[in-house]
Amino acid sequence: MPKNTSSQSKGNEEQELPFIVTNKAAAICVVAAVILLVSGIMWWKQVYNHPRRVFEGMLNNSLSLNSITRSTVSDGYGGKTEKVEQLSFVPDAAVRTWVAIDQPAENGSSKVKTETIGTRNQDFSRYLSIDTSQTGENGKKLDYSSALNTWGRTSAGTPPEYYQQSILGIVPFAQVPATRHQDAVKAFSDSRVYEVDYAKVEPKRINGKSALVIPVKVHLQQYLTVFKRVAKDSGLNDFEAVNPDEYSDSAPVEVKLTIDKISRNLLEIRYEGEPAQVESFSGHGLSLPIKAPEQTILLEQLQQKLQSIK
């Protein structure tokens, strides 16, 4: 009887032992999984989402885009300007821009809305609406309806500007060939184009996305030096006449970049100083082909139509 009691007691003790003791192999797997999970979380927070990686990922994305939409609001110098640009690199590089200008006047305000399209070869422009307080010879407000929605094109031999201006931003946008892409990204880093203050990075929620606000100083001489190389790699030779040395004494441009931590997409650029200006970005990578208008007149003729309205 005593032996049975001892044996039974021993069996009960074994049953009461923790799982981690009685199932060593399974316990090791559980511990390993926990360690892996914790390590993964630490890597995600400390390495993948480190501000430097987020910033460099944004540069990498900006030079391999199909398209992007930039919205700009400028409020200063007595007026407000709102601009939306669709910049596309497929199938043919082009930019479509809508601009709304609200300028105060003596007897009210002047509101003008325009649309432009710029390709690598030609620029197109039209007026969507014109509303001013100016009166004509009959004493009534000027009626510009006859000149609206008519596309004007630049004359042959006139260098196009719209597309070139659209890619020349604090953060350039392009679709650099894959064979030269990494060299382009490295050039921006090695040339110290951007002076990033990682100590002052702040987290931010914007449009439901987890982002970082990163203070940056942009050195114009270095920027233009690298930009010319990137533009050439992208098939643009329109900036050959630009001399970066002319900006050797220029003060750096101070901005705050808001970047999505997950996608590495640039969401916003906020310029310091006056006039206040904010650029917002969306539509990263979408396929948005832009076609030039078919029915046009010379831009000079469009301006003459406007001037003839009295």
C-alpha atoms as a PDB file:
ATOM      1  CA  MET A   1       0.000   0.000   0.000  1.00  0.00           C
ATOM      2  CA  PRO A   2       2.708   2.556   0.855  1.00  0.00           C
ATOM      3  CA  LYS A   3       4.414   1.909  -2.493  1.00  0.00           C
ATOM      4  CA  ASN A   4       1.219   2.548  -4.377  1.00  0.00           C
ATOM      5  CA  THR A   5       0.657   5.738  -2.424  1.00  0.00           C
ATOM      6  CA  SER A   6       4.174   6.947  -3.203  1.00  0.00           C
ATOM      7  CA  SER A   7       3.829   6.063  -6.868  1.00  0.00           C
ATOM      8  CA  GLN A   8       0.485   7.822  -7.105  1.00  0.00           C
ATOM      9  CA  SER A   9       1.883  10.910  -5.392  1.00  0.00           C
ATOM     10  CA  LYS A  10       4.798  10.990  -7.815  1.00  0.00           C
ATOM     11  CA  GLY A  11       2.410  10.762 -10.772  1.00  0.00           C
ATOM     12  CA  ASN A  12       0.360  13.665  -9.453  1.00  0.00           C
ATOM     13  CA  GLU A  13       3.513  15.784  -9.070  1.00  0.00           C
ATOM     14  CA  GLU A  14       4.491  15.101 -12.690  1.00  0.00           C
ATOM     15  CA  GLN A  15       1.040  16.103 -13.842  1.00  0.00           C
ATOM     16  CA  GLU A  16       1.297  19.356 -11.914  1.00  0.00           C
ATOM     17  CA  LEU A  17       4.634  20.308 -13.443  1.00  0.00           C
ATOM     18  CA  PRO A  18       4.560  23.289 -15.851  1.00  0.00           C
ATOM     19  CA  PHE A  19       4.195  22.652 -19.570  1.00  0.00           C
ATOM     20  CA  ILE A  20       7.603  24.220 -20.174  1.00  0.00           C
ATOM     21  CA  VAL A  21       9.223  21.454 -18.066  1.00  0.00           C
ATOM     22  CA  THR A  22       7.298  18.445 -19.286  1.00  0.00           C
ATOM     23  CA  ASN A  23       7.406  19.442 -22.997  1.00  0.00           C
ATOM     24  CA  LYS A  24      10.889  20.816 -23.536  1.00  0.00           C
ATOM     25  CA  ALA A  25      10.900  20.632 -27.341  1.00  0.00           C
ATOM     26  CA  ALA A  26       7.592  22.458 -27.676  1.00  0.00           C
ATOM     27  CA  ALA A  27       8.658  24.977 -25.047  1.00  0.00           C
ATOM     28  CA  ILE A  28      11.837  25.785 -26.964  1.00  0.00           C
ATOM     29  CA  CYS A  29       9.750  26.463 -30.081  1.00  0.00           C
ATOM     30  CA  VAL A  30       7.426  28.772 -28.140  1.00  0.00           C
ATOM     31  CA  VAL A  31      10.322  30.710 -26.619  1.00  0.00           C
ATOM     32  CA  ALA A  32      11.997  31.000 -30.031  1.00  0.00           C
ATOM     33  CA  ALA A  33       8.766  32.294 -31.553  1.00  0.00           C
ATOM     34  CA  VAL A  34       8.411  34.907 -28.798  1.00  0.00           C
ATOM     35  CA  ILE A  35      12.000  36.027 -29.258  1.00  0.00           C
ATOM     36  CA  LEU A  36      11.481  36.236 -33.033  1.00  0.00           C
ATOM     37  CA  LEU A  37       8.310  38.278 -32.565  1.00  0.00           C
ATOM     38  CA  VAL A  38       9.949  40.689 -30.136  1.00  0.00           C
ATOM     39  CA  SER A  39      12.999  40.999 -32.400  1.00  0.00           C
ATOM     40  CA  GLY A  40      10.741  41.684 -35.373  1.00  0.00           C
ATOM     41  CA  ILE A  41       8.895  44.436 -33.506  1.00  0.00           C
ATOM     42  CA  MET A  42      12.182  46.002 -32.378  1.00  0.00           C
ATOM     43  CA  TRP A  43      13.567  45.820 -35.937  1.00  0.00           C
ATOM     44  CA  TRP A  44      10.369  47.399 -37.287  1.00  0.00           C
ATOM     45  CA  LYS A  45      10.552  50.287 -34.818  1.00  0.00           C
ATOM     46  CA  GLN A  46      14.284  50.847 -34.549  1.00  0.00           C
ATOM     47  CA  VAL A  47      15.534  49.903 -38.031  1.00  0.00           C
ATOM     48  CA  TYR A  48      12.839  49.830 -40.722  1.00  0.00           C
ATOM     49  CA  ASN A  49      11.051  52.943 -39.431  1.00  0.00           C
ATOM     50  CA  HIS A  50      14.222  54.828 -38.569  1.00  0.00           C
ATOM     51  CA  PRO A  51      13.927  58.390 -39.987  1.00  0.00           C
ATOM     52  CA  ARG A  52      17.044  57.943 -42.122  1.00  0.00           C
ATOM     53  CA  ARG A  53      15.606  54.850 -43.809  1.00  0.00           C
ATOM     54  CA  VAL A  54      12.257  56.589 -44.304  1.00  0.00           C
ATOM     55  CA  PHE A  55      13.936  59.619 -45.900  1.00  0.00           C
ATOM     56  CA  GLU A  56      16.192  57.567 -48.172  1.00  0.00           C
ATOM     57  CA  GLY A  57      13.233  55.367 -49.158  1.00  0.00           C
ATOM     58  CA  MET A  58      11.323  58.492 -50.189  1.00  0.00           C
ATOM     59  CA  LEU A  59      14.191  59.584 -52.463  1.00  0.00           C
ATOM     60  CA  ASN A  60      14.309  56.110 -53.966  1.00  0.00           C
ATOM     61  CA  ASN A  61      10.559  56.239 -54.736  1.00  0.00           C
ATOM     62  CA  SER A  62      10.629  59.756 -56.185  1.00  0.00           C
ATOM     63  CA  LEU A  63      13.070  58.695 -58.908  1.00  0.00           C
ATOM     64  CA  SER A  64      11.064  55.674 -60.064  1.00  0.00           C
ATOM     65  CA  LEU A  65       7.533  56.974 -60.555  1.00  0.00           C
ATOM     66  CA  ASN A  66       4.863  56.419 -63.190  1.00  0.00           C
ATOM     67  CA  SER A  67       3.030  59.544 -62.066  1.00  0.00           C
ATOM     68  CA  ILE A  68       2.275  61.810 -59.122  1.00  0.00           C
ATOM     69  CA  THR A  69      -0.194  64.602 -58.333  1.00  0.00           C
ATOM     70  CA  ARG A  70       1.001  67.742 -56.548  1.00  0.00           C
ATOM     71  CA  SER A  71      -1.368  70.287 -55.012  1.00  0.00           C
ATOM     72  CA  THR A  72       0.028  73.666 -53.999  1.00  0.00           C
ATOM     73  CA  VAL A  73      -1.545  76.457 -51.989  1.00  0.00           C
ATOM     74  CA  SER A  74       0.228  79.818 -51.798  1.00  0.00           C
ATOM     75  CA  ASP A  75      -1.269  82.585 -49.675  1.00  0.00           C
ATOM     76  CA  GLY A  76       0.631  85.845 -49.685  1.00  0.00           C
ATOM     77  CA  TYR A  77       1.453  89.086 -51.457  1.00  0.00           C
ATOM     78  CA  GLY A  78      -2.205  90.098 -51.397  1.00  0.00           C
ATOM     79  CA  GLY A  79      -3.606  87.056 -53.174  1.00  0.00           C
ATOM     80  CA  LYS A  80      -4.162  83.325 -53.087  1.00  0.00           C
ATOM     81  CA  THR A  81      -3.081  80.766 -55.652  1.00  0.00           C
ATOM     82  CA  GLU A  82      -4.173  77.128 -55.797  1.00  0.00           C
ATOM     83  CA  LYS A  83      -2.453  74.776 -58.223  1.00  0.00           C
ATOM     84  CA  VAL A  84      -2.882  71.087 -59.033  1.00  0.00           C
ATOM     85  CA  GLU A  85      -0.313  69.314 -61.214  1.00  0.00           C
ATOM     86  CA  GLN A  86      -0.587  65.829 -62.677  1.00  0.00           C
ATOM     87  CA  LEU A  87       2.912  64.741 -63.614  1.00  0.00           C
ATOM     88  CA  SER A  88       3.043  61.590 -65.747  1.00  0.00           C
ATOM     89  CA  PHE A  89       5.915  59.589 -67.197  1.00  0.00           C
ATOM     90  CA  VAL A  90       3.802  57.006 -69.086  1.00  0.00           C
ATOM     91  CA  PRO A  91       3.513  56.463 -71.939  1.00  0.00           C
ATOM     92  CA  ASP A  92       4.937  59.880 -72.843  1.00  0.00           C
ATOM     93  CA  ALA A  93       6.217  62.302 -70.207  1.00  0.00           C
ATOM     94  CA  ALA A  94       3.880  65.272 -69.732  1.00  0.00           C
ATOM     95  CA  VAL A  95       2.272  67.475 -67.085  1.00  0.00           C
ATOM     96  CA  ARG A  96      -1.301  68.761 -66.779  1.00  0.00           C
ATOM     97  CA  THR A  97      -1.854  71.747 -64.480  1.00  0.00           C
ATOM     98  CA  TRP A  98      -4.897  73.587 -63.153  1.00  0.00           C
ATOM     99  CA  VAL A  99      -4.371  76.992 -61.539  1.00  0.00           C
ATOM    100  CA  ALA A 100      -6.893  79.170 -59.691  1.00  0.00           C
ATOM    101  CA  ILE A 101      -5.822  82.729 -58.833  1.00  0.00           C
ATOM    102  CA  ASP A 102      -7.833  84.985 -56.521  1.00  0.00           C
ATOM    103  CA  GLN A 103      -6.377  88.497 -56.542  1.00  0.00           C
ATOM    104  CA  PRO A 104      -7.983  91.370 -54.561  1.00  0.00           C
ATOM    105  CA  ALA A 105      -8.818  94.483 -56.607  1.00  0.00           C
ATOM    106  CA  GLU A 106     -10.107  97.978 -55.876  1.00  0.00           C
ATOM    107  CA  ASN A 107     -13.734  97.173 -56.674  1.00  0.00           C
ATOM    108  CA  GLY A 108     -13.843  93.497 -55.727  1.00  0.00           C
ATOM    109  CA  SER A 109     -11.518  90.746 -56.861  1.00  0.00           C
ATOM    110  CA  SER A 110     -10.064  89.135 -59.941  1.00  0.00           C
ATOM    111  CA  LYS A 111     -10.497  85.364 -60.258  1.00  0.00           C
ATOM    112  CA  VAL A 112      -8.866  83.438 -63.072  1.00  0.00           C
ATOM    113  CA  LYS A 113      -8.749  79.678 -63.673  1.00  0.00           C
ATOM    114  CA  THR A 114      -6.444  78.150 -66.276  1.00  0.00           C
ATOM    115  CA  GLU A 115      -5.414  74.731 -67.520  1.00  0.00           C
ATOM    116  CA  THR A 116      -2.082  73.912 -69.132  1.00  0.00           C
ATOM    117  CA  ILE A 117      -0.447  70.850 -70.655  1.00  0.00           C
ATOM    118  CA  GLY A 118       3.275  70.576 -71.117  1.00  0.00           C
ATOM    119  CA  THR A 119       5.133  67.911 -73.072  1.00  0.00           C
ATOM    120  CA  ARG A 120       8.820  67.609 -73.806  1.00  0.00           C
ATOM    121  CA  ASN A 121       8.239  69.343 -77.137  1.00  0.00           C
ATOM    122  CA  GLN A 122       5.439  71.880 -76.702  1.00  0.00           C
ATOM    123  CA  ASP A 123       3.255  73.817 -74.242  1.00  0.00           C
ATOM    124  CA  PHE A 124      -0.536  74.303 -74.364  1.00  0.00           C
ATOM    125  CA  SER A 125      -2.713  76.660 -72.344  1.00  0.00           C
ATOM    126  CA  ARG A 126      -6.376  77.669 -72.054  1.00  0.00           C
ATOM    127  CA  TYR A 127      -8.583  79.818 -69.813  1.00  0.00           C
ATOM    128  CA  LEU A 128     -11.374  78.003 -67.996  1.00  0.00           C
ATOM    129  CA  SER A 129     -12.950  81.052 -66.373  1.00  0.00           C
ATOM    130  CA  ILE A 130     -12.231  84.764 -65.943  1.00  0.00           C
ATOM    131  CA  ASP A 131     -14.180  86.873 -63.466  1.00  0.00           C
ATOM    132  CA  THR A 132     -13.018  90.419 -62.830  1.00  0.00           C
ATOM    133  CA  SER A 133     -14.522  93.666 -61.583  1.00  0.00           C
ATOM    134  CA  GLN A 134     -13.349  95.501 -64.682  1.00  0.00           C
ATOM    135  CA  THR A 135     -16.020  97.101 -66.860  1.00  0.00           C
ATOM    136  CA  GLY A 136     -16.054  97.561 -70.600  1.00  0.00           C
ATOM    137  CA  GLU A 137     -16.930 100.512 -72.804  1.00  0.00           C
ATOM    138  CA  ASN A 138     -20.627  99.826 -72.214  1.00  0.00           C
ATOM    139  CA  GLY A 139     -20.187 100.112 -68.451  1.00  0.00           C
ATOM    140  CA  LYS A 140     -20.856  96.409 -67.861  1.00  0.00           C
ATOM    141  CA  LYS A 141     -18.484  93.744 -66.573  1.00  0.00           C
ATOM    142  CA  LEU A 142     -16.180  92.415 -69.251  1.00  0.00           C
ATOM    143  CA  ASP A 143     -17.397  89.159 -70.813  1.00  0.00           C
ATOM    144  CA  TYR A 144     -14.544  86.796 -71.628  1.00  0.00           C
ATOM    145  CA  SER A 145     -16.693  83.831 -72.689  1.00  0.00           C
ATOM    146  CA  SER A 146     -15.532  84.038 -76.313  1.00  0.00           C
ATOM    147  CA  ALA A 147     -11.953  83.336 -75.259  1.00  0.00           C
ATOM    148  CA  LEU A 148     -12.648  80.535 -72.809  1.00  0.00           C
ATOM    149  CA  ASN A 149     -11.830  76.834 -73.385  1.00  0.00           C
ATOM    150  CA  THR A 150      -9.737  77.578 -76.465  1.00  0.00           C
ATOM    151  CA  TRP A 151      -6.370  75.876 -76.422  1.00  0.00           C
ATOM    152  CA  GLY A 152      -3.372  77.997 -77.335  1.00  0.00           C
ATOM    153  CA  ARG A 153      -0.076  76.383 -78.300  1.00  0.00           C
ATOM    154  CA  THR A 154       3.445  77.732 -78.343  1.00  0.00           C
ATOM    155  CA  SER A 155       4.872  78.462 -81.770  1.00  0.00           C
ATOM    156  CA  ALA A 156       7.448  76.215 -83.427  1.00  0.00           C
ATOM    157  CA  GLY A 157      10.936  76.815 -82.106  1.00  0.00           C
ATOM    158  CA  THR A 158       9.760  78.104 -78.722  1.00  0.00           C
ATOM    159  CA  PRO A 159      11.409  76.048 -75.965  1.00  0.00           C
ATOM    160  CA  PRO A 160       8.775  74.274 -73.814  1.00  0.00           C
ATOM    161  CA  GLU A 161       8.737  75.181 -70.103  1.00  0.00           C
ATOM    162  CA  TYR A 162       5.815  73.586 -68.281  1.00  0.00           C
ATOM    163  CA  TYR A 163       7.125  70.025 -68.077  1.00  0.00           C
ATOM    164  CA  GLN A 164      10.663  71.062 -67.192  1.00  0.00           C
ATOM    165  CA  GLN A 165       9.429  73.347 -64.412  1.00  0.00           C
ATOM    166  CA  SER A 166       7.209  70.621 -62.952  1.00  0.00           C
ATOM    167  CA  ILE A 167      10.057  68.190 -62.273  1.00  0.00           C
ATOM    168  CA  LEU A 168      12.408  70.859 -60.888  1.00  0.00           C
ATOM    169  CA  GLY A 169      11.181  70.729 -57.291  1.00  0.00           C
ATOM    170  CA  ILE A 170      12.787  70.492 -53.856  1.00  0.00           C
ATOM    171  CA  VAL A 171      12.317  66.751 -54.283  1.00  0.00           C
ATOM    172  CA  PRO A 172      12.685  65.885 -57.982  1.00  0.00           C
ATOM    173  CA  PHE A 173      10.340  63.418 -59.651  1.00  0.00           C
ATOM    174  CA  ALA A 174      11.447  61.200 -62.500  1.00  0.00           C
ATOM    175  CA  GLN A 175      11.476  57.709 -63.918  1.00  0.00           C
ATOM    176  CA  VAL A 176      15.199  57.073 -64.063  1.00  0.00           C
ATOM    177  CA  PRO A 177      16.148  53.932 -66.032  1.00  0.00           C
ATOM    178  CA  ALA A 178      16.693  50.908 -63.778  1.00  0.00           C
ATOM    179  CA  THR A 179      20.364  50.657 -64.787  1.00  0.00           C
ATOM    180  CA  ARG A 180      21.042  54.172 -63.446  1.00  0.00           C
ATOM    181  CA  HIS A 181      18.481  54.430 -60.673  1.00  0.00           C
ATOM    182  CA  GLN A 182      20.644  53.422 -57.714  1.00  0.00           C
ATOM    183  CA  ASP A 183      23.477  55.677 -58.907  1.00  0.00           C
ATOM    184  CA  ALA A 184      21.042  58.608 -58.995  1.00  0.00           C
ATOM    185  CA  VAL A 185      19.822  57.945 -55.442  1.00  0.00           C
ATOM    186  CA  LYS A 186      23.405  57.551 -54.223  1.00  0.00           C
ATOM    187  CA  ALA A 187      24.405  60.823 -55.883  1.00  0.00           C
ATOM    188  CA  PHE A 188      21.846  62.764 -53.839  1.00  0.00           C
ATOM    189  CA  SER A 189      23.154  61.177 -50.628  1.00  0.00           C
ATOM    190  CA  ASP A 190      26.870  61.471 -51.370  1.00  0.00           C
ATOM    191  CA  SER A 191      26.660  65.096 -52.540  1.00  0.00           C
ATOM    192  CA  ARG A 192      24.995  66.254 -49.314  1.00  0.00           C
ATOM    193  CA  VAL A 193      22.163  67.893 -51.217  1.00  0.00           C
ATOM    194  CA  TYR A 194      19.912  67.483 -48.185  1.00  0.00           C
ATOM    195  CA  GLU A 195      20.957  68.433 -44.669  1.00  0.00           C
ATOM    196  CA  VAL A 196      18.524  66.460 -42.526  1.00  0.00           C
ATOM    197  CA  ASP A 197      17.978  67.232 -38.846  1.00  0.00           C
ATOM    198  CA  TYR A 198      17.070  63.772 -37.569  1.00  0.00           C
ATOM    199  CA  ALA A 199      17.076  64.999 -33.953  1.00  0.00           C
ATOM    200  CA  LYS A 200      13.952  67.093 -34.616  1.00  0.00           C
ATOM    201  CA  VAL A 201      11.852  64.505 -36.482  1.00  0.00           C
ATOM    202  CA  GLU A 202       8.235  64.390 -35.291  1.00  0.00           C
ATOM    203  CA  PRO A 203       5.507  61.746 -35.786  1.00  0.00           C
ATOM    204  CA  LYS A 204       2.255  62.789 -37.457  1.00  0.00           C
ATOM    205  CA  ARG A 205      -1.054  61.280 -38.591  1.00  0.00           C
ATOM    206  CA  ILE A 206      -2.080  62.615 -41.991  1.00  0.00           C
ATOM    207  CA  ASN A 207      -5.090  61.314 -43.930  1.00  0.00           C
ATOM    208  CA  GLY A 208      -5.124  58.245 -41.714  1.00  0.00           C
ATOM    209  CA  LYS A 209      -1.464  57.445 -42.413  1.00  0.00           C
ATOM    210  CA  SER A 210       1.389  57.184 -39.934  1.00  0.00           C
ATOM    211  CA  ALA A 211       4.068  59.623 -41.067  1.00  0.00           C
ATOM    212  CA  LEU A 212       7.225  61.428 -40.032  1.00  0.00           C
ATOM    213  CA  VAL A 213       7.793  65.185 -40.323  1.00  0.00           C
ATOM    214  CA  ILE A 214      11.461  65.664 -41.178  1.00  0.00           C
ATOM    215  CA  PRO A 215      13.191  69.107 -41.141  1.00  0.00           C
ATOM    216  CA  VAL A 216      15.500  69.512 -44.136  1.00  0.00           C
ATOM    217  CA  LYS A 217      17.823  72.181 -45.512  1.00  0.00           C
ATOM    218  CA  VAL A 218      18.306  71.977 -49.278  1.00  0.00           C
ATOM    219  CA  HIS A 219      21.628  73.265 -50.619  1.00  0.00           C
ATOM    220  CA  LEU A 220      20.878  74.671 -54.062  1.00  0.00           C
ATOM    221  CA  GLN A 221      24.337  74.390 -55.634  1.00  0.00           C
ATOM    222  CA  GLN A 222      24.643  70.709 -54.768  1.00  0.00           C
ATOM    223  CA  TYR A 223      21.017  70.107 -55.700  1.00  0.00           C
ATOM    224  CA  LEU A 224      21.359  71.550 -59.200  1.00  0.00           C
ATOM    225  CA  THR A 225      24.621  69.691 -59.785  1.00  0.00           C
ATOM    226  CA  VAL A 226      22.996  66.335 -59.061  1.00  0.00           C
ATOM    227  CA  PHE A 227      19.671  67.273 -60.668  1.00  0.00           C
ATOM    228  CA  LYS A 228      21.341  67.979 -64.030  1.00  0.00           C
ATOM    229  CA  ARG A 229      22.831  64.495 -63.978  1.00  0.00           C
ATOM    230  CA  VAL A 230      19.506  62.864 -63.064  1.00  0.00           C
ATOM    231  CA  ALA A 231      17.652  64.862 -65.727  1.00  0.00           C
ATOM    232  CA  LYS A 232      20.144  63.740 -68.358  1.00  0.00           C
ATOM    233  CA  ASP A 233      19.781  60.112 -67.265  1.00  0.00           C
ATOM    234  CA  SER A 234      16.015  60.558 -67.724  1.00  0.00           C
ATOM    235  CA  GLY A 235      16.461  61.804 -71.298  1.00  0.00           C
ATOM    236  CA  LEU A 236      16.206  65.539 -70.539  1.00  0.00           C
ATOM    237  CA  ASN A 237      18.964  67.784 -71.848  1.00  0.00           C
ATOM    238  CA  ASP A 238      17.091  71.042 -71.250  1.00  0.00           C
ATOM    239  CA  PHE A 239      19.118  71.947 -68.155  1.00  0.00           C
ATOM    240  CA  GLU A 240      22.573  71.943 -69.715  1.00  0.00           C
ATOM    241  CA  ALA A 241      22.720  75.752 -69.556  1.00  0.00           C
ATOM    242  CA  VAL A 242      22.034  75.801 -65.803  1.00  0.00           C
ATOM    243  CA  ASN A 243      25.174  76.743 -63.866  1.00  0.00           C
ATOM    244  CA  PRO A 244      25.086  75.436 -60.267  1.00  0.00           C
ATOM    245  CA  ASP A 245      28.053  77.633 -59.316  1.00  0.00           C
ATOM    246  CA  GLU A 246      25.804  80.677 -59.578  1.00  0.00           C
ATOM    247  CA  TYR A 247      24.076  79.434 -56.420  1.00  0.00           C
ATOM    248  CA  SER A 248      27.235  78.875 -54.364  1.00  0.00           C
ATOM    249  CA  ASP A 249      26.371  81.764 -52.015  1.00  0.00           C
ATOM    250  CA  SER A 250      22.648  81.065 -51.818  1.00  0.00           C
ATOM    251  CA  ALA A 251      21.159  80.321 -48.425  1.00  0.00           C
ATOM    252  CA  PRO A 252      19.722  76.807 -48.132  1.00  0.00           C
ATOM    253  CA  VAL A 253      15.982  76.389 -48.582  1.00  0.00           C
ATOM    254  CA  GLU A 254      14.392  75.234 -45.320  1.00  0.00           C
ATOM    255  CA  VAL A 255      11.425  72.866 -45.563  1.00  0.00           C
ATOM    256  CA  LYS A 256       9.622  70.203 -43.579  1.00  0.00           C
ATOM    257  CA  LEU A 257       8.925  66.962 -45.426  1.00  0.00           C
ATOM    258  CA  THR A 258       6.080  64.701 -44.321  1.00  0.00           C
ATOM    259  CA  ILE A 259       6.715  61.099 -45.404  1.00  0.00           C
ATOM    260  CA  ASP A 260       4.534  58.003 -45.044  1.00  0.00           C
ATOM    261  CA  LYS A 261       6.476  55.537 -42.878  1.00  0.00           C
ATOM    262  CA  ILE A 262       5.074  52.441 -44.579  1.00  0.00           C
ATOM    263  CA  SER A 263       5.039  53.322 -48.296  1.00  0.00           C
ATOM    264  CA  ARG A 264       7.909  55.868 -48.106  1.00  0.00           C
ATOM    265  CA  ASN A 265       5.786  58.201 -50.249  1.00  0.00           C
ATOM    266  CA  LEU A 266       6.211  61.948 -49.904  1.00  0.00           C
ATOM    267  CA  LEU A 267       2.941  63.380 -48.589  1.00  0.00           C
ATOM    268  CA  GLU A 268       3.677  67.045 -47.988  1.00  0.00           C
ATOM    269  CA  ILE A 269       6.297  69.791 -48.265  1.00  0.00           C
ATOM    270  CA  ARG A 270       5.908  72.804 -46.010  1.00  0.00           C
ATOM    271  CA  TYR A 271       8.112  75.795 -46.813  1.00  0.00           C
ATOM    272  CA  GLU A 272       9.430  77.958 -43.999  1.00  0.00           C
ATOM    273  CA  GLY A 273       9.118  81.756 -44.212  1.00  0.00           C
ATOM    274  CA  GLU A 274       6.947  84.010 -46.356  1.00  0.00           C
ATOM    275  CA  PRO A 275       4.882  83.633 -48.389  1.00  0.00           C
ATOM    276  CA  ALA A 276       3.405  80.573 -46.739  1.00  0.00           C
ATOM    277  CA  GLN A 277       3.338  77.619 -49.111  1.00  0.00           C
ATOM    278  CA  VAL A 278       2.355  73.974 -48.729  1.00  0.00           C
ATOM    279  CA  GLU A 279       2.612  71.241 -51.359  1.00  0.00           C
ATOM    280  CA  SER A 280       0.581  68.040 -50.945  1.00  0.00           C
ATOM    281  CA  PHE A 281       1.177  64.847 -52.919  1.00  0.00           C
ATOM    282  CA  SER A 282      -1.092  61.974 -53.935  1.00  0.00           C
ATOM    283  CA  GLY A 283      -1.627  59.444 -56.734  1.00  0.00           C
ATOM    284  CA  HIS A 284       1.865  57.990 -56.389  1.00  0.00           C
ATOM    285  CA  GLY A 285       2.599  55.526 -59.170  1.00  0.00           C
ATOM    286  CA  LEU A 286      -0.789  55.583 -60.900  1.00  0.00           C
ATOM    287  CA  SER A 287      -0.916  55.312 -64.677  1.00  0.00           C
ATOM    288  CA  LEU A 288      -2.285  58.674 -65.846  1.00  0.00           C
ATOM    289  CA  PRO A 289      -1.481  59.223 -69.537  1.00  0.00           C
ATOM    290  CA  ILE A 290      -1.767  62.841 -70.656  1.00  0.00           C
ATOM    291  CA  LYS A 291      -2.665  63.678 -74.247  1.00  0.00           C
ATOM    292  CA  ALA A 292      -1.984  66.962 -75.962  1.00  0.00           C
ATOM    293  CA  PRO A 293      -5.089  68.777 -77.321  1.00  0.00           C
ATOM    294  CA  GLU A 294      -5.809  68.294 -81.015  1.00  0.00           C
ATOM    295  CA  GLN A 295      -7.648  71.545 -81.843  1.00  0.00           C
ATOM    296  CA  THR A 296      -5.472  74.557 -81.029  1.00  0.00           C
ATOM    297  CA  ILE A 297      -4.538  78.062 -82.101  1.00  0.00           C
ATOM    298  CA  LEU A 298      -1.285  79.889 -81.528  1.00  0.00           C
ATOM    299  CA  LEU A 299      -0.908  81.244 -78.005  1.00  0.00           C
ATOM    300  CA  GLU A 300      -0.351  84.705 -79.487  1.00  0.00           C
ATOM    301  CA  GLN A 301      -3.750  84.490 -81.161  1.00  0.00           C
ATOM    302  CA  LEU A 302      -5.391  83.524 -77.866  1.00  0.00           C
ATOM    303  CA  GLN A 303      -3.848  86.540 -76.162  1.00  0.00           C
ATOM    304  CA  GLN A 304      -5.118  88.769 -78.962  1.00  0.00           C
ATOM    305  CA  LYS A 305      -8.664  87.456 -78.407  1.00  0.00           C
ATOM    306  CA  LEU A 306      -8.412  88.442 -74.752  1.00  0.00           C
ATOM    307  CA  GLN A 307      -7.046  91.884 -75.507  1.00  0.00           C
ATOM    308  CA  SER A 308      -9.810  92.566 -78.028  1.00  0.00           C
ATOM    309  CA  ILE A 309     -12.477  92.247 -75.323  1.00  0.00           C
ATOM    310  CA  LYS A 310     -13.378  95.795 -74.228  1.00  0.00           C
END
